């Protein structure tokens, strides 16, 4: 924040809040990606041993999980990141 004499001063509480907030968002995205990769690997292992109806249901569930991850990322995580980082620039 600019002071009256023209120098700038850091707001340490804001920086500490951002330092706590950003790793949580990043960790959430890492967990989502990790789970997606593991699910896809397990589905490939099972391969043709599963009936087609079960396989179709698994694919539908994966699509739903992807949308449940993508929508909060677009509507929440990305805007919060920009809002928190914007004052730094």
PDB file of N, CA and C in Angstrom:
ATOM      1  N   UNK A   1       0.862  -1.174   0.000  1.00  0.00           N
ATOM      2  CA  UNK A   1       0.000   0.000   0.000  1.00  0.00           C
ATOM      3  C   UNK A   1       0.905   1.232   0.000  1.00  0.00           C
ATOM      4  N   UNK A   2       0.624   2.209  -0.839  1.00  0.00           N
ATOM      5  CA  UNK A   2       1.417   3.439  -0.825  1.00  0.00           C
ATOM      6  C   UNK A   2       1.161   4.258   0.448  1.00  0.00           C
ATOM      7  N   UNK A   3       2.227   4.721   1.050  1.00  0.00           N
ATOM      8  CA  UNK A   3       2.115   5.581   2.233  1.00  0.00           C
ATOM      9  C   UNK A   3       2.043   7.036   1.786  1.00  0.00           C
ATOM     10  N   UNK A   4       1.832   7.913   2.741  1.00  0.00           N
ATOM     11  CA  UNK A   4       1.742   9.346   2.449  1.00  0.00           C
ATOM     12  C   UNK A   4       3.059   9.899   1.907  1.00  0.00           C
ATOM     13  N   UNK A   5       4.197   9.335   2.343  1.00  0.00           N
ATOM     14  CA  UNK A   5       5.490   9.845   1.884  1.00  0.00           C
ATOM     15  C   UNK A   5       5.918   9.241   0.538  1.00  0.00           C
ATOM     16  N   UNK A   6       5.073   8.400  -0.063  1.00  0.00           N
ATOM     17  CA  UNK A   6       5.364   7.842  -1.379  1.00  0.00           C
ATOM     18  C   UNK A   6       5.971   6.452  -1.371  1.00  0.00           C
ATOM     19  N   UNK A   7       6.422   5.988  -0.219  1.00  0.00           N
ATOM     20  CA  UNK A   7       6.968   4.629  -0.151  1.00  0.00           C
ATOM     21  C   UNK A   7       5.822   3.624  -0.080  1.00  0.00           C
ATOM     22  N   UNK A   8       6.152   2.410  -0.393  1.00  0.00           N
ATOM     23  CA  UNK A   8       5.129   1.359  -0.359  1.00  0.00           C
ATOM     24  C   UNK A   8       5.379   0.431   0.819  1.00  0.00           C
ATOM     25  N   UNK A   9       4.302  -0.068   1.370  1.00  0.00           N
ATOM     26  CA  UNK A   9       4.388  -0.959   2.516  1.00  0.00           C
ATOM     27  C   UNK A   9       3.588  -2.229   2.213  1.00  0.00           C
ATOM     28  N   UNK A  10       4.184  -3.371   2.540  1.00  0.00           N
ATOM     29  CA  UNK A  10       3.502  -4.651   2.333  1.00  0.00           C
ATOM     30  C   UNK A  10       2.464  -4.857   3.417  1.00  0.00           C
ATOM     31  N   UNK A  11       1.361  -5.491   3.043  1.00  0.00           N
ATOM     32  CA  UNK A  11       0.356  -5.894   4.023  1.00  0.00           C
ATOM     33  C   UNK A  11       0.625  -7.360   4.330  1.00  0.00           C
ATOM     34  N   UNK A  12       1.255  -7.603   5.429  1.00  0.00           N
ATOM     35  CA  UNK A  12       1.700  -8.948   5.762  1.00  0.00           C
ATOM     36  C   UNK A  12       0.548  -9.900   6.024  1.00  0.00           C
ATOM     37  N   UNK A  13      -0.550  -9.417   6.551  1.00  0.00           N
ATOM     38  CA  UNK A  13      -1.706 -10.290   6.778  1.00  0.00           C
ATOM     39  C   UNK A  13      -2.269 -10.789   5.444  1.00  0.00           C
ATOM     40  N   UNK A  14      -2.305  -9.901   4.454  1.00  0.00           N
ATOM     41  CA  UNK A  14      -2.798 -10.297   3.136  1.00  0.00           C
ATOM     42  C   UNK A  14      -1.868 -11.320   2.509  1.00  0.00           C
ATOM     43  N   UNK A  15      -0.575 -11.070   2.592  1.00  0.00           N
ATOM     44  CA  UNK A  15       0.387 -12.017   2.035  1.00  0.00           C
ATOM     45  C   UNK A  15       0.329 -13.365   2.747  1.00  0.00           C
ATOM     46  N   UNK A  16       0.140 -13.351   4.051  1.00  0.00           N
ATOM     47  CA  UNK A  16       0.030 -14.608   4.799  1.00  0.00           C
ATOM     48  C   UNK A  16      -1.242 -15.359   4.399  1.00  0.00           C
ATOM     49  N   UNK A  17      -2.321 -14.634   4.210  1.00  0.00           N
ATOM     50  CA  UNK A  17      -3.567 -15.264   3.760  1.00  0.00           C
ATOM     51  C   UNK A  17      -3.417 -15.892   2.389  1.00  0.00           C
ATOM     52  N   UNK A  18      -2.750 -15.190   1.499  1.00  0.00           N
ATOM     53  CA  UNK A  18      -2.514 -15.736   0.158  1.00  0.00           C
ATOM     54  C   UNK A  18      -1.576 -16.934   0.218  1.00  0.00           C
ATOM     55  N   UNK A  19      -0.602 -16.859   1.093  1.00  0.00           N
ATOM     56  CA  UNK A  19       0.340 -17.981   1.223  1.00  0.00           C
ATOM     57  C   UNK A  19      -0.367 -19.232   1.729  1.00  0.00           C
ATOM     58  N   UNK A  20      -1.419 -19.064   2.488  1.00  0.00           N
ATOM     59  CA  UNK A  20      -2.194 -20.217   2.967  1.00  0.00           C
ATOM     60  C   UNK A  20      -3.241 -20.660   1.953  1.00  0.00           C
ATOM     61  N   UNK A  21      -3.787 -19.729   1.217  1.00  0.00           N
ATOM     62  CA  UNK A  21      -4.877 -20.007   0.281  1.00  0.00           C
ATOM     63  C   UNK A  21      -4.403 -20.735  -0.978  1.00  0.00           C
ATOM     64  N   UNK A  22      -3.336 -20.289  -1.563  1.00  0.00           N
ATOM     65  CA  UNK A  22      -2.885 -20.846  -2.840  1.00  0.00           C
ATOM     66  C   UNK A  22      -2.460 -22.313  -2.750  1.00  0.00           C
ATOM     67  N   UNK A  23      -1.738 -22.733  -1.726  1.00  0.00           N
ATOM     68  CA  UNK A  23      -1.408 -24.166  -1.637  1.00  0.00           C
ATOM     69  C   UNK A  23      -2.640 -25.065  -1.498  1.00  0.00           C
ATOM     70  N   UNK A  24      -3.685 -24.568  -0.844  1.00  0.00           N
ATOM     71  CA  UNK A  24      -4.904 -25.364  -0.718  1.00  0.00           C
ATOM     72  C   UNK A  24      -5.545 -25.567  -2.083  1.00  0.00           C
ATOM     73  N   UNK A  25      -5.627 -24.514  -2.865  1.00  0.00           N
ATOM     74  CA  UNK A  25      -6.191 -24.622  -4.211  1.00  0.00           C
ATOM     75  C   UNK A  25      -5.337 -25.551  -5.065  1.00  0.00           C
ATOM     76  N   UNK A  26      -4.028 -25.382  -4.999  1.00  0.00           N
ATOM     77  CA  UNK A  26      -3.123 -26.227  -5.783  1.00  0.00           C
ATOM     78  C   UNK A  26      -3.242 -27.691  -5.357  1.00  0.00           C
ATOM     79  N   UNK A  27      -3.300 -27.946  -4.065  1.00  0.00           N
ATOM     80  CA  UNK A  27      -3.419 -29.321  -3.573  1.00  0.00           C
ATOM     81  C   UNK A  27      -4.730 -29.953  -4.028  1.00  0.00           C
ATOM     82  N   UNK A  28      -5.794 -29.187  -4.037  1.00  0.00           N
ATOM     83  CA  UNK A  28      -7.083 -29.697  -4.507  1.00  0.00           C
ATOM     84  C   UNK A  28      -7.000 -30.116  -5.965  1.00  0.00           C
ATOM     85  N   UNK A  29      -6.382 -29.282  -6.790  1.00  0.00           N
ATOM     86  CA  UNK A  29      -6.242 -29.614  -8.208  1.00  0.00           C
ATOM     87  C   UNK A  29      -5.344 -30.832  -8.411  1.00  0.00           C
ATOM     88  N   UNK A  30      -4.308 -30.966  -7.609  1.00  0.00           N
ATOM     89  CA  UNK A  30      -3.425 -32.132  -7.705  1.00  0.00           C
ATOM     90  C   UNK A  30      -4.182 -33.406  -7.331  1.00  0.00           C
ATOM     91  N   UNK A  31      -4.986 -33.338  -6.282  1.00  0.00           N
ATOM     92  CA  UNK A  31      -5.761 -34.511  -5.865  1.00  0.00           C
ATOM     93  C   UNK A  31      -6.761 -34.904  -6.948  1.00  0.00           C
ATOM     94  N   UNK A  32      -7.419 -33.939  -7.551  1.00  0.00           N
ATOM     95  CA  UNK A  32      -8.369 -34.222  -8.632  1.00  0.00           C
ATOM     96  C   UNK A  32      -7.655 -34.924  -9.784  1.00  0.00           C
ATOM     97  N   UNK A  33      -6.516 -34.416 -10.202  1.00  0.00           N
ATOM     98  CA  UNK A  33      -5.763 -35.024 -11.307  1.00  0.00           C
ATOM     99  C   UNK A  33      -5.268 -36.421 -10.938  1.00  0.00           C
ATOM    100  N   UNK A  34      -4.757 -36.573  -9.733  1.00  0.00           N
ATOM    101  CA  UNK A  34      -4.265 -37.875  -9.295  1.00  0.00           C
ATOM    102  C   UNK A  34      -5.382 -38.915  -9.308  1.00  0.00           C
ATOM    103  N   UNK A  35      -6.531 -38.557  -8.758  1.00  0.00           N
ATOM    104  CA  UNK A  35      -7.660 -39.497  -8.709  1.00  0.00           C
ATOM    105  C   UNK A  35      -8.135 -39.849 -10.114  1.00  0.00           C
ATOM    106  N   UNK A  36      -8.179 -38.873 -10.988  1.00  0.00           N
ATOM    107  CA  UNK A  36      -8.602 -39.138 -12.359  1.00  0.00           C
ATOM    108  C   UNK A  36      -7.665 -40.119 -13.043  1.00  0.00           C
ATOM    109  N   UNK A  37      -6.366 -39.916 -12.890  1.00  0.00           N
ATOM    110  CA  UNK A  37      -5.386 -40.816 -13.508  1.00  0.00           C
ATOM    111  C   UNK A  37      -5.513 -42.219 -12.938  1.00  0.00           C
ATOM    112  N   UNK A  38      -5.645 -42.332 -11.630  1.00  0.00           N
ATOM    113  CA  UNK A  38      -5.775 -43.659 -11.002  1.00  0.00           C
ATOM    114  C   UNK A  38      -7.052 -44.374 -11.446  1.00  0.00           C
ATOM    115  N   UNK A  39      -8.147 -43.651 -11.551  1.00  0.00           N
ATOM    116  CA  UNK A  39      -9.401 -44.254 -11.998  1.00  0.00           C
ATOM    117  C   UNK A  39      -9.259 -44.766 -13.421  1.00  0.00           C
ATOM    118  N   UNK A  40      -8.665 -43.955 -14.295  1.00  0.00           N
ATOM    119  CA  UNK A  40      -8.488 -44.379 -15.681  1.00  0.00           C
ATOM    120  C   UNK A  40      -7.551 -45.585 -15.779  1.00  0.00           C
ATOM    121  N   UNK A  41      -6.517 -45.626 -14.966  1.00  0.00           N
ATOM    122  CA  UNK A  41      -5.614 -46.781 -14.970  1.00  0.00           C
ATOM    123  C   UNK A  41      -6.347 -48.048 -14.536  1.00  0.00           C
ATOM    124  N   UNK A  42      -7.160 -47.939 -13.509  1.00  0.00           N
ATOM    125  CA  UNK A  42      -7.915 -49.106 -13.036  1.00  0.00           C
ATOM    126  C   UNK A  42      -8.925 -49.570 -14.084  1.00  0.00           C
ATOM    127  N   UNK A  43      -9.543 -48.622 -14.765  1.00  0.00           N
ATOM    128  CA  UNK A  43     -10.498 -49.001 -15.798  1.00  0.00           C
ATOM    129  C   UNK A  43      -9.810 -49.717 -16.955  1.00  0.00           C
ATOM    130  N   UNK A  44      -8.599 -49.307 -17.287  1.00  0.00           N
ATOM    131  CA  UNK A  44      -7.851 -49.984 -18.354  1.00  0.00           C
ATOM    132  C   UNK A  44      -7.441 -51.395 -17.934  1.00  0.00           C
ATOM    133  N   UNK A  45      -7.091 -51.563 -16.656  1.00  0.00           N
ATOM    134  CA  UNK A  45      -6.702 -52.886 -16.160  1.00  0.00           C
ATOM    135  C   UNK A  45      -7.856 -53.873 -16.261  1.00  0.00           C
ATOM    136  N   UNK A  46      -9.034 -53.405 -15.883  1.00  0.00           N
ATOM    137  CA  UNK A  46     -10.206 -54.271 -15.901  1.00  0.00           C
ATOM    138  C   UNK A  46     -10.525 -54.684 -17.334  1.00  0.00           C
ATOM    139  N   UNK A  47     -10.434 -53.707 -18.243  1.00  0.00           N
ATOM    140  CA  UNK A  47     -10.590 -53.969 -19.666  1.00  0.00           C
ATOM    141  C   UNK A  47     -11.853 -54.706 -20.046  1.00  0.00           C
ATOM    142  N   UNK A  48     -11.701 -55.837 -20.687  1.00  0.00           N
ATOM    143  CA  UNK A  48     -12.828 -56.582 -21.238  1.00  0.00           C
ATOM    144  C   UNK A  48     -13.463 -57.540 -20.226  1.00  0.00           C
ATOM    145  N   UNK A  49     -12.989 -57.570 -19.003  1.00  0.00           N
ATOM    146  CA  UNK A  49     -13.531 -58.466 -17.984  1.00  0.00           C
ATOM    147  C   UNK A  49     -14.862 -57.970 -17.418  1.00  0.00           C
ATOM    148  N   UNK A  50     -15.217 -56.739 -17.712  1.00  0.00           N
ATOM    149  CA  UNK A  50     -16.438 -56.140 -17.170  1.00  0.00           C
ATOM    150  C   UNK A  50     -17.509 -56.153 -18.261  1.00  0.00           C
ATOM    151  N   UNK A  51     -18.736 -56.399 -17.855  1.00  0.00           N
ATOM    152  CA  UNK A  51     -19.840 -56.394 -18.811  1.00  0.00           C
ATOM    153  C   UNK A  51     -20.006 -55.009 -19.422  1.00  0.00           C
ATOM    154  N   UNK A  52     -20.556 -54.968 -20.614  1.00  0.00           N
ATOM    155  CA  UNK A  52     -20.669 -53.698 -21.330  1.00  0.00           C
ATOM    156  C   UNK A  52     -21.556 -52.695 -20.590  1.00  0.00           C
ATOM    157  N   UNK A  53     -22.608 -53.163 -19.916  1.00  0.00           N
ATOM    158  CA  UNK A  53     -23.463 -52.242 -19.167  1.00  0.00           C
ATOM    159  C   UNK A  53     -22.702 -51.611 -18.004  1.00  0.00           C
ATOM    160  N   UNK A  54     -21.916 -52.408 -17.324  1.00  0.00           N
ATOM    161  CA  UNK A  54     -21.112 -51.876 -16.209  1.00  0.00           C
ATOM    162  C   UNK A  54     -20.064 -50.901 -16.734  1.00  0.00           C
ATOM    163  N   UNK A  55     -19.458 -51.271 -17.826  1.00  0.00           N
ATOM    164  CA  UNK A  55     -18.432 -50.403 -18.430  1.00  0.00           C
ATOM    165  C   UNK A  55     -19.044 -49.060 -18.839  1.00  0.00           C
ATOM    166  N   UNK A  56     -20.227 -49.116 -19.432  1.00  0.00           N
ATOM    167  CA  UNK A  56     -20.914 -47.892 -19.857  1.00  0.00           C
ATOM    168  C   UNK A  56     -21.245 -47.026 -18.642  1.00  0.00           C
ATOM    169  N   UNK A  57     -21.695 -47.652 -17.565  1.00  0.00           N
ATOM    170  CA  UNK A  57     -22.012 -46.916 -16.353  1.00  0.00           C
ATOM    171  C   UNK A  57     -20.742 -46.285 -15.766  1.00  0.00           C
ATOM    172  N   UNK A  58     -19.622 -47.008 -15.780  1.00  0.00           N
ATOM    173  CA  UNK A  58     -18.363 -46.449 -15.279  1.00  0.00           C
ATOM    174  C   UNK A  58     -17.947 -45.230 -16.086  1.00  0.00           C
ATOM    175  N   UNK A  59     -18.091 -45.306 -17.395  1.00  0.00           N
ATOM    176  CA  UNK A  59     -17.743 -44.156 -18.242  1.00  0.00           C
ATOM    177  C   UNK A  59     -18.633 -42.951 -17.936  1.00  0.00           C
ATOM    178  N   UNK A  60     -19.907 -43.194 -17.725  1.00  0.00           N
ATOM    179  CA  UNK A  60     -20.818 -42.099 -17.377  1.00  0.00           C
ATOM    180  C   UNK A  60     -20.420 -41.471 -16.040  1.00  0.00           C
ATOM    181  N   UNK A  61     -20.058 -42.311 -15.074  1.00  0.00           N
ATOM    182  CA  UNK A  61     -19.645 -41.794 -13.764  1.00  0.00           C
ATOM    183  C   UNK A  61     -18.362 -40.969 -13.875  1.00  0.00           C
ATOM    184  N   UNK A  62     -17.433 -41.417 -14.716  1.00  0.00           N
ATOM    185  CA  UNK A  62     -16.201 -40.648 -14.923  1.00  0.00           C
ATOM    186  C   UNK A  62     -16.527 -39.280 -15.509  1.00  0.00           C
ATOM    187  N   UNK A  63     -17.416 -39.249 -16.479  1.00  0.00           N
ATOM    188  CA  UNK A  63     -17.805 -37.956 -17.079  1.00  0.00           C
ATOM    189  C   UNK A  63     -18.425 -37.032 -16.039  1.00  0.00           C
ATOM    190  N   UNK A  64     -19.281 -37.585 -15.197  1.00  0.00           N
ATOM    191  CA  UNK A  64     -19.908 -36.770 -14.144  1.00  0.00           C
ATOM    192  C   UNK A  64     -18.848 -36.252 -13.177  1.00  0.00           C
ATOM    193  N   UNK A  65     -17.907 -37.103 -12.789  1.00  0.00           N
ATOM    194  CA  UNK A  65     -16.842 -36.662 -11.885  1.00  0.00           C
ATOM    195  C   UNK A  65     -15.981 -35.576 -12.532  1.00  0.00           C
ATOM    196  N   UNK A  66     -15.724 -35.704 -13.817  1.00  0.00           N
ATOM    197  CA  UNK A  66     -14.960 -34.667 -14.509  1.00  0.00           C
ATOM    198  C   UNK A  66     -15.698 -33.336 -14.477  1.00  0.00           C
ATOM    199  N   UNK A  67     -16.989 -33.359 -14.761  1.00  0.00           N
ATOM    200  CA  UNK A  67     -17.756 -32.115 -14.709  1.00  0.00           C
ATOM    201  C   UNK A  67     -17.827 -31.556 -13.293  1.00  0.00           C
ATOM    202  N   UNK A  68     -17.910 -32.442 -12.307  1.00  0.00           N
ATOM    203  CA  UNK A  68     -17.925 -31.971 -10.920  1.00  0.00           C
ATOM    204  C   UNK A  68     -16.592 -31.350 -10.533  1.00  0.00           C
ATOM    205  N   UNK A  69     -15.539 -31.662 -11.237  1.00  0.00           N
ATOM    206  CA  UNK A  69     -14.233 -31.068 -10.971  1.00  0.00           C
ATOM    207  C   UNK A  69     -14.001 -29.819 -11.812  1.00  0.00           C
ATOM    208  N   UNK A  70     -14.450 -29.842 -13.047  1.00  0.00           N
ATOM    209  CA  UNK A  70     -14.208 -28.721 -13.964  1.00  0.00           C
ATOM    210  C   UNK A  70     -15.024 -27.494 -13.569  1.00  0.00           C
ATOM    211  N   UNK A  71     -16.286 -27.691 -13.241  1.00  0.00           N
ATOM    212  CA  UNK A  71     -17.152 -26.540 -12.931  1.00  0.00           C
ATOM    213  C   UNK A  71     -16.645 -25.742 -11.728  1.00  0.00           C
ATOM    214  N   UNK A  72     -16.305 -26.368 -10.590  1.00  0.00           N
ATOM    215  CA  UNK A  72     -15.759 -25.557  -9.490  1.00  0.00           C
ATOM    216  C   UNK A  72     -14.418 -24.906  -9.833  1.00  0.00           C
ATOM    217  N   UNK A  73     -13.629 -25.575 -10.659  1.00  0.00           N
ATOM    218  CA  UNK A  73     -12.351 -24.983 -11.055  1.00  0.00           C
ATOM    219  C   UNK A  73     -12.579 -23.690 -11.814  1.00  0.00           C
ATOM    220  N   UNK A  74     -13.516 -23.720 -12.762  1.00  0.00           N
ATOM    221  CA  UNK A  74     -13.785 -22.534 -13.576  1.00  0.00           C
ATOM    222  C   UNK A  74     -14.510 -21.463 -12.780  1.00  0.00           C
ATOM    223  N   UNK A  75     -15.478 -21.863 -11.979  1.00  0.00           N
ATOM    224  CA  UNK A  75     -16.310 -20.874 -11.290  1.00  0.00           C
ATOM    225  C   UNK A  75     -15.764 -20.419  -9.945  1.00  0.00           C
ATOM    226  N   UNK A  76     -14.804 -21.147  -9.389  1.00  0.00           N
ATOM    227  CA  UNK A  76     -14.334 -20.799  -8.055  1.00  0.00           C
ATOM    228  C   UNK A  76     -12.823 -20.635  -7.980  1.00  0.00           C
ATOM    229  N   UNK A  77     -12.081 -21.693  -8.272  1.00  0.00           N
ATOM    230  CA  UNK A  77     -10.633 -21.668  -8.045  1.00  0.00           C
ATOM    231  C   UNK A  77      -9.917 -20.628  -8.897  1.00  0.00           C
ATOM    232  N   UNK A  78     -10.210 -20.581 -10.177  1.00  0.00           N
ATOM    233  CA  UNK A  78      -9.526 -19.621 -11.053  1.00  0.00           C
ATOM    234  C   UNK A  78      -9.869 -18.178 -10.674  1.00  0.00           C
ATOM    235  N   UNK A  79     -11.162 -17.824 -10.490  1.00  0.00           N
ATOM    236  CA  UNK A  79     -11.454 -16.438 -10.067  1.00  0.00           C
ATOM    237  C   UNK A  79     -10.833 -16.068  -8.718  1.00  0.00           C
ATOM    238  N   UNK A  80     -10.849 -16.996  -7.763  1.00  0.00           N
ATOM    239  CA  UNK A  80     -10.260 -16.687  -6.459  1.00  0.00           C
ATOM    240  C   UNK A  80      -8.762 -16.436  -6.600  1.00  0.00           C
ATOM    241  N   UNK A  81      -8.101 -17.209  -7.444  1.00  0.00           N
ATOM    242  CA  UNK A  81      -6.674 -17.013  -7.668  1.00  0.00           C
ATOM    243  C   UNK A  81      -6.403 -15.642  -8.256  1.00  0.00           C
ATOM    244  N   UNK A  82      -7.192 -15.240  -9.258  1.00  0.00           N
ATOM    245  CA  UNK A  82      -7.000 -13.914  -9.852  1.00  0.00           C
ATOM    246  C   UNK A  82      -7.306 -12.800  -8.858  1.00  0.00           C
ATOM    247  N   UNK A  83      -8.372 -12.962  -8.089  1.00  0.00           N
ATOM    248  CA  UNK A  83      -8.729 -11.935  -7.106  1.00  0.00           C
ATOM    249  C   UNK A  83      -7.630 -11.797  -6.052  1.00  0.00           C
ATOM    250  N   UNK A  84      -7.092 -12.927  -5.612  1.00  0.00           N
ATOM    251  CA  UNK A  84      -6.054 -12.865  -4.586  1.00  0.00           C
ATOM    252  C   UNK A  84      -4.731 -12.346  -5.132  1.00  0.00           C
ATOM    253  N   UNK A  85      -4.426 -12.661  -6.392  1.00  0.00           N
ATOM    254  CA  UNK A  85      -3.141 -12.258  -6.949  1.00  0.00           C
ATOM    255  C   UNK A  85      -3.166 -10.886  -7.594  1.00  0.00           C
ATOM    256  N   UNK A  86      -4.321 -10.376  -7.979  1.00  0.00           N
ATOM    257  CA  UNK A  86      -4.420  -9.104  -8.676  1.00  0.00           C
ATOM    258  C   UNK A  86      -3.782  -7.935  -7.925  1.00  0.00           C
ATOM    259  N   UNK A  87      -3.982  -7.809  -6.611  1.00  0.00           N
ATOM    260  CA  UNK A  87      -3.357  -6.685  -5.907  1.00  0.00           C
ATOM    261  C   UNK A  87      -1.820  -6.690  -5.968  1.00  0.00           C
ATOM    262  N   UNK A  88      -1.231  -7.835  -6.218  1.00  0.00           N
ATOM    263  CA  UNK A  88       0.235  -7.878  -6.285  1.00  0.00           C
ATOM    264  C   UNK A  88       0.769  -7.188  -7.531  1.00  0.00           C
ATOM    265  N   UNK A  89      -0.069  -7.070  -8.546  1.00  0.00           N
ATOM    266  CA  UNK A  89       0.375  -6.443  -9.791  1.00  0.00           C
ATOM    267  C   UNK A  89      -0.144  -5.058  -9.873  1.00  0.00           C
TER     268      UNK A  89
END
